[in-house]
């Protein structure tokens, strides 16, 4: 499969988790609000979107850790199909708590 399809899927699961995972979003919002609130002019909606972006980024990073370990163990110089499948599966597993909200609300 083309590498771009893997990256689109990884970004999709990161977006789903960032927008619809209420627990991680509230946790990130509690830490973002005092730090980034003044930088975002005290706007709650901008702060919430920034927290959602942080959760999405964390999902993609945490989902890539098993793929990086696999590449390190096998000595791969660049990402191959197996490591991209591992990365996609890792982000999908992390997005499972948000899947129910995504299905009920939809985009």
N, C-alpha and C. Protein backbone atom coordinates (compact mmCIF):
# COMPACT_ATOMS: atom_id res chain seq x y z
N UNK A 1 0.85 -1.17 0.00
CA UNK A 1 0.00 0.00 0.00
C UNK A 1 0.90 1.24 0.00
N UNK A 2 0.39 2.30 -0.57
CA UNK A 2 1.14 3.54 -0.66
C UNK A 2 1.37 4.13 0.73
N UNK A 3 2.53 4.70 0.93
CA UNK A 3 2.89 5.28 2.23
C UNK A 3 1.94 6.42 2.63
N UNK A 4 1.43 7.16 1.67
CA UNK A 4 0.54 8.28 1.97
C UNK A 4 -0.76 7.82 2.63
N UNK A 5 -1.26 6.65 2.25
CA UNK A 5 -2.49 6.14 2.86
C UNK A 5 -2.29 5.82 4.34
N UNK A 6 -1.12 5.30 4.68
CA UNK A 6 -0.81 5.06 6.08
C UNK A 6 -0.79 6.37 6.86
N UNK A 7 -0.14 7.38 6.30
CA UNK A 7 -0.02 8.66 7.00
C UNK A 7 -1.37 9.35 7.14
N UNK A 8 -2.22 9.22 6.14
CA UNK A 8 -3.58 9.78 6.23
C UNK A 8 -4.37 9.08 7.33
N UNK A 9 -4.24 7.75 7.42
CA UNK A 9 -4.93 7.00 8.47
C UNK A 9 -4.42 7.36 9.85
N UNK A 10 -3.11 7.52 9.99
CA UNK A 10 -2.53 7.91 11.28
C UNK A 10 -3.03 9.29 11.69
N UNK A 11 -3.04 10.22 10.74
CA UNK A 11 -3.54 11.56 11.04
C UNK A 11 -5.03 11.55 11.37
N UNK A 12 -5.79 10.68 10.70
CA UNK A 12 -7.22 10.57 10.97
C UNK A 12 -7.48 10.09 12.39
N UNK A 13 -6.77 9.04 12.81
CA UNK A 13 -6.98 8.54 14.17
C UNK A 13 -6.50 9.56 15.21
N UNK A 14 -5.44 10.28 14.91
CA UNK A 14 -5.00 11.34 15.82
C UNK A 14 -6.03 12.45 15.94
N UNK A 15 -6.64 12.81 14.82
CA UNK A 15 -7.67 13.85 14.83
C UNK A 15 -8.90 13.39 15.62
N UNK A 16 -9.31 12.14 15.40
CA UNK A 16 -10.47 11.60 16.12
C UNK A 16 -10.22 11.63 17.63
N UNK A 17 -9.03 11.21 18.03
CA UNK A 17 -8.72 11.18 19.46
C UNK A 17 -8.62 12.60 20.02
N UNK A 18 -8.07 13.52 19.26
CA UNK A 18 -7.95 14.89 19.75
C UNK A 18 -9.27 15.61 19.89
N UNK A 19 -10.19 15.32 19.01
CA UNK A 19 -11.48 16.02 19.05
C UNK A 19 -12.51 15.36 19.96
N UNK A 20 -12.48 14.04 20.06
CA UNK A 20 -13.58 13.34 20.71
C UNK A 20 -13.22 12.61 21.99
N UNK A 21 -11.97 12.60 22.40
CA UNK A 21 -11.60 11.96 23.66
C UNK A 21 -11.74 12.98 24.78
N UNK A 22 -12.84 12.92 25.49
CA UNK A 22 -13.16 13.95 26.47
C UNK A 22 -12.23 13.94 27.67
N UNK A 23 -11.79 12.78 28.10
CA UNK A 23 -10.92 12.70 29.27
C UNK A 23 -9.56 13.35 28.99
N UNK A 24 -8.92 12.97 27.90
CA UNK A 24 -7.61 13.55 27.58
C UNK A 24 -7.74 15.03 27.25
N UNK A 25 -8.86 15.41 26.62
CA UNK A 25 -9.05 16.81 26.24
C UNK A 25 -9.20 17.70 27.47
N UNK A 26 -9.95 17.25 28.45
CA UNK A 26 -10.10 18.04 29.68
C UNK A 26 -8.78 18.11 30.43
N UNK A 27 -8.05 16.99 30.47
CA UNK A 27 -6.74 16.97 31.12
C UNK A 27 -5.79 17.96 30.45
N UNK A 28 -5.76 17.97 29.12
CA UNK A 28 -4.89 18.90 28.40
C UNK A 28 -5.36 20.34 28.59
N UNK A 29 -6.67 20.54 28.63
CA UNK A 29 -7.20 21.89 28.79
C UNK A 29 -6.83 22.48 30.14
N UNK A 30 -6.81 21.66 31.18
CA UNK A 30 -6.44 22.15 32.50
C UNK A 30 -5.00 22.67 32.54
N UNK A 31 -4.13 22.05 31.75
CA UNK A 31 -2.74 22.49 31.71
C UNK A 31 -2.48 23.59 30.69
N UNK A 32 -3.28 23.63 29.64
CA UNK A 32 -3.08 24.64 28.60
C UNK A 32 -3.64 25.99 29.02
N UNK A 33 -4.74 25.97 29.74
CA UNK A 33 -5.43 27.22 30.06
C UNK A 33 -4.57 28.22 30.83
N UNK A 34 -3.86 27.83 31.88
CA UNK A 34 -3.03 28.84 32.56
C UNK A 34 -1.81 29.26 31.74
N UNK A 35 -1.29 28.36 30.91
CA UNK A 35 -0.07 28.68 30.17
C UNK A 35 -0.34 29.41 28.86
N UNK A 36 -1.27 28.88 28.08
CA UNK A 36 -1.51 29.44 26.76
C UNK A 36 -2.71 30.38 26.73
N UNK A 37 -3.46 30.45 27.81
CA UNK A 37 -4.62 31.34 27.84
C UNK A 37 -4.30 32.78 27.51
N UNK A 38 -3.30 33.37 28.19
CA UNK A 38 -2.95 34.76 27.85
C UNK A 38 -2.40 34.92 26.43
N UNK A 39 -1.72 33.91 25.92
CA UNK A 39 -1.20 33.99 24.56
C UNK A 39 -2.30 33.93 23.51
N UNK A 40 -3.40 33.30 23.87
CA UNK A 40 -4.54 33.18 22.95
C UNK A 40 -5.64 34.18 23.29
N UNK A 41 -5.26 35.27 23.92
CA UNK A 41 -6.16 36.40 24.25
C UNK A 41 -7.31 36.00 25.16
N UNK A 42 -7.12 34.97 25.96
CA UNK A 42 -8.14 34.54 26.91
C UNK A 42 -9.36 33.90 26.27
N UNK A 43 -9.28 33.57 25.01
CA UNK A 43 -10.41 32.96 24.30
C UNK A 43 -10.49 31.48 24.65
N UNK A 44 -11.62 31.07 25.19
CA UNK A 44 -11.80 29.69 25.59
C UNK A 44 -11.85 28.76 24.38
N UNK A 45 -12.46 29.20 23.29
CA UNK A 45 -12.54 28.35 22.11
C UNK A 45 -11.16 28.11 21.49
N UNK A 46 -10.31 29.14 21.44
CA UNK A 46 -8.95 28.95 20.93
C UNK A 46 -8.13 28.05 21.86
N UNK A 47 -8.32 28.21 23.16
CA UNK A 47 -7.61 27.38 24.11
C UNK A 47 -8.05 25.92 23.98
N UNK A 48 -9.32 25.70 23.77
CA UNK A 48 -9.84 24.34 23.60
C UNK A 48 -9.30 23.71 22.31
N UNK A 49 -9.22 24.47 21.24
CA UNK A 49 -8.66 23.94 20.00
C UNK A 49 -7.17 23.65 20.14
N UNK A 50 -6.45 24.48 20.88
CA UNK A 50 -5.04 24.24 21.11
C UNK A 50 -4.84 22.97 21.94
N UNK A 51 -5.70 22.76 22.94
CA UNK A 51 -5.63 21.54 23.74
C UNK A 51 -5.96 20.32 22.88
N UNK A 52 -6.92 20.45 21.99
CA UNK A 52 -7.26 19.36 21.07
C UNK A 52 -6.09 19.04 20.16
N UNK A 53 -5.39 20.05 19.69
CA UNK A 53 -4.21 19.84 18.86
C UNK A 53 -3.10 19.15 19.63
N UNK A 54 -2.96 19.49 20.90
CA UNK A 54 -1.95 18.82 21.74
C UNK A 54 -2.28 17.34 21.92
N UNK A 55 -3.55 17.01 22.14
CA UNK A 55 -3.95 15.61 22.31
C UNK A 55 -3.75 14.85 21.01
N UNK A 56 -4.07 15.46 19.88
CA UNK A 56 -3.85 14.81 18.59
C UNK A 56 -2.38 14.53 18.35
N UNK A 57 -1.54 15.49 18.66
CA UNK A 57 -0.10 15.32 18.48
C UNK A 57 0.44 14.24 19.41
N UNK A 58 -0.03 14.23 20.64
CA UNK A 58 0.41 13.21 21.59
C UNK A 58 -0.02 11.81 21.14
N UNK A 59 -1.19 11.71 20.54
CA UNK A 59 -1.67 10.41 20.04
C UNK A 59 -0.75 9.89 18.93
N UNK A 60 -0.40 10.76 18.01
CA UNK A 60 0.48 10.35 16.91
C UNK A 60 1.86 9.96 17.43
N UNK A 61 2.38 10.72 18.39
CA UNK A 61 3.70 10.41 18.94
C UNK A 61 3.68 9.10 19.72
N UNK A 62 2.71 8.94 20.60
CA UNK A 62 2.63 7.71 21.40
C UNK A 62 2.34 6.48 20.55
N UNK A 63 1.56 6.65 19.49
CA UNK A 63 1.30 5.54 18.59
C UNK A 63 2.52 5.14 17.78
N UNK A 64 3.46 6.05 17.60
CA UNK A 64 4.67 5.76 16.85
C UNK A 64 5.78 5.11 17.64
N UNK A 65 5.66 5.09 18.96
CA UNK A 65 6.72 4.51 19.79
C UNK A 65 6.91 3.02 19.52
N UNK A 66 5.85 2.20 19.46
CA UNK A 66 6.09 0.78 19.14
C UNK A 66 6.71 0.57 17.75
N UNK A 67 6.32 1.41 16.79
CA UNK A 67 6.90 1.31 15.45
C UNK A 67 8.38 1.67 15.47
N UNK A 68 8.74 2.66 16.26
CA UNK A 68 10.15 3.04 16.38
C UNK A 68 10.96 1.94 17.06
N UNK A 69 10.37 1.30 18.05
CA UNK A 69 11.07 0.19 18.71
C UNK A 69 11.26 -0.97 17.73
N UNK A 70 10.23 -1.25 16.93
CA UNK A 70 10.35 -2.30 15.92
C UNK A 70 11.46 -1.97 14.92
N UNK A 71 11.51 -0.73 14.44
CA UNK A 71 12.55 -0.35 13.49
C UNK A 71 13.94 -0.44 14.11
N UNK A 72 14.05 -0.12 15.38
CA UNK A 72 15.34 -0.19 16.06
C UNK A 72 15.80 -1.63 16.22
N UNK A 73 14.85 -2.51 16.58
CA UNK A 73 15.20 -3.91 16.78
C UNK A 73 15.59 -4.57 15.46
N UNK A 74 14.86 -4.28 14.40
CA UNK A 74 15.16 -4.92 13.11
C UNK A 74 16.28 -4.22 12.36
N UNK A 75 16.67 -3.04 12.77
CA UNK A 75 17.74 -2.32 12.11
C UNK A 75 17.33 -1.66 10.81
N UNK A 76 16.04 -1.36 10.66
CA UNK A 76 15.57 -0.72 9.44
C UNK A 76 16.06 0.72 9.38
N UNK A 77 16.47 1.15 8.20
CA UNK A 77 16.95 2.52 8.03
C UNK A 77 15.80 3.50 7.83
N UNK A 78 14.71 3.04 7.27
CA UNK A 78 13.53 3.89 7.10
C UNK A 78 12.28 3.06 7.34
N UNK A 79 11.15 3.73 7.46
CA UNK A 79 9.90 3.04 7.76
C UNK A 79 9.49 2.16 6.59
N UNK A 80 9.17 0.92 6.90
CA UNK A 80 8.66 0.01 5.88
C UNK A 80 7.19 -0.26 6.16
N UNK A 81 6.61 -1.16 5.40
CA UNK A 81 5.18 -1.44 5.53
C UNK A 81 4.79 -1.96 6.90
N UNK A 82 5.64 -2.80 7.49
CA UNK A 82 5.31 -3.38 8.80
C UNK A 82 5.31 -2.30 9.88
N UNK A 83 6.31 -1.44 9.87
CA UNK A 83 6.36 -0.39 10.90
C UNK A 83 5.24 0.62 10.73
N UNK A 84 4.83 0.89 9.49
CA UNK A 84 3.70 1.79 9.28
C UNK A 84 2.39 1.15 9.75
N UNK A 85 2.25 -0.18 9.56
CA UNK A 85 1.07 -0.87 10.09
C UNK A 85 1.06 -0.82 11.62
N UNK A 86 2.22 -0.97 12.23
CA UNK A 86 2.31 -0.91 13.69
C UNK A 86 1.93 0.48 14.18
N UNK A 87 2.41 1.50 13.48
CA UNK A 87 2.10 2.88 13.86
C UNK A 87 0.60 3.15 13.71
N UNK A 88 0.01 2.69 12.61
CA UNK A 88 -1.42 2.86 12.39
C UNK A 88 -2.23 2.14 13.45
N UNK A 89 -1.83 0.92 13.78
CA UNK A 89 -2.54 0.16 14.82
C UNK A 89 -2.40 0.83 16.19
N UNK A 90 -1.23 1.37 16.48
CA UNK A 90 -1.03 2.06 17.76
C UNK A 90 -1.92 3.28 17.90
N UNK A 91 -2.03 4.08 16.85
CA UNK A 91 -2.91 5.25 16.93
C UNK A 91 -4.37 4.83 16.97
N UNK A 92 -4.71 3.74 16.28
CA UNK A 92 -6.10 3.26 16.33
C UNK A 92 -6.47 2.77 17.72
N UNK A 93 -5.55 2.09 18.38
CA UNK A 93 -5.81 1.61 19.74
C UNK A 93 -5.96 2.78 20.70
N UNK A 94 -5.12 3.81 20.53
CA UNK A 94 -5.24 4.98 21.40
C UNK A 94 -6.52 5.75 21.14
N UNK A 95 -7.07 5.65 19.94
CA UNK A 95 -8.30 6.37 19.60
C UNK A 95 -9.57 5.58 19.93
N UNK A 96 -9.43 4.38 20.45
CA UNK A 96 -10.62 3.58 20.78
C UNK A 96 -11.57 4.26 21.78
N UNK A 97 -11.07 4.91 22.85
CA UNK A 97 -12.02 5.57 23.76
C UNK A 97 -12.83 6.69 23.11
N UNK A 98 -12.28 7.29 22.07
CA UNK A 98 -12.97 8.37 21.39
C UNK A 98 -13.88 7.89 20.28
N UNK A 99 -13.79 6.62 19.93
CA UNK A 99 -14.56 6.10 18.79
C UNK A 99 -16.06 6.16 19.06
N UNK A 100 -16.47 5.89 20.29
CA UNK A 100 -17.91 5.96 20.59
C UNK A 100 -18.48 7.35 20.42
N UNK A 101 -17.76 8.37 20.88
CA UNK A 101 -18.21 9.75 20.69
C UNK A 101 -18.19 10.13 19.22
N UNK A 102 -17.19 9.65 18.49
CA UNK A 102 -17.12 9.97 17.07
C UNK A 102 -18.30 9.38 16.31
N UNK A 103 -18.65 8.14 16.64
CA UNK A 103 -19.76 7.49 15.94
C UNK A 103 -21.09 8.13 16.30
N UNK A 104 -21.28 8.51 17.56
CA UNK A 104 -22.56 9.10 17.96
C UNK A 104 -22.71 10.54 17.48
N UNK A 105 -21.60 11.30 17.45
CA UNK A 105 -21.68 12.69 17.01
C UNK A 105 -21.41 12.82 15.52
N UNK A 106 -20.36 12.17 15.03
CA UNK A 106 -19.99 12.24 13.62
C UNK A 106 -19.30 13.55 13.31
N UNK A 107 -18.78 13.64 12.09
CA UNK A 107 -18.11 14.88 11.69
C UNK A 107 -19.05 15.77 10.96
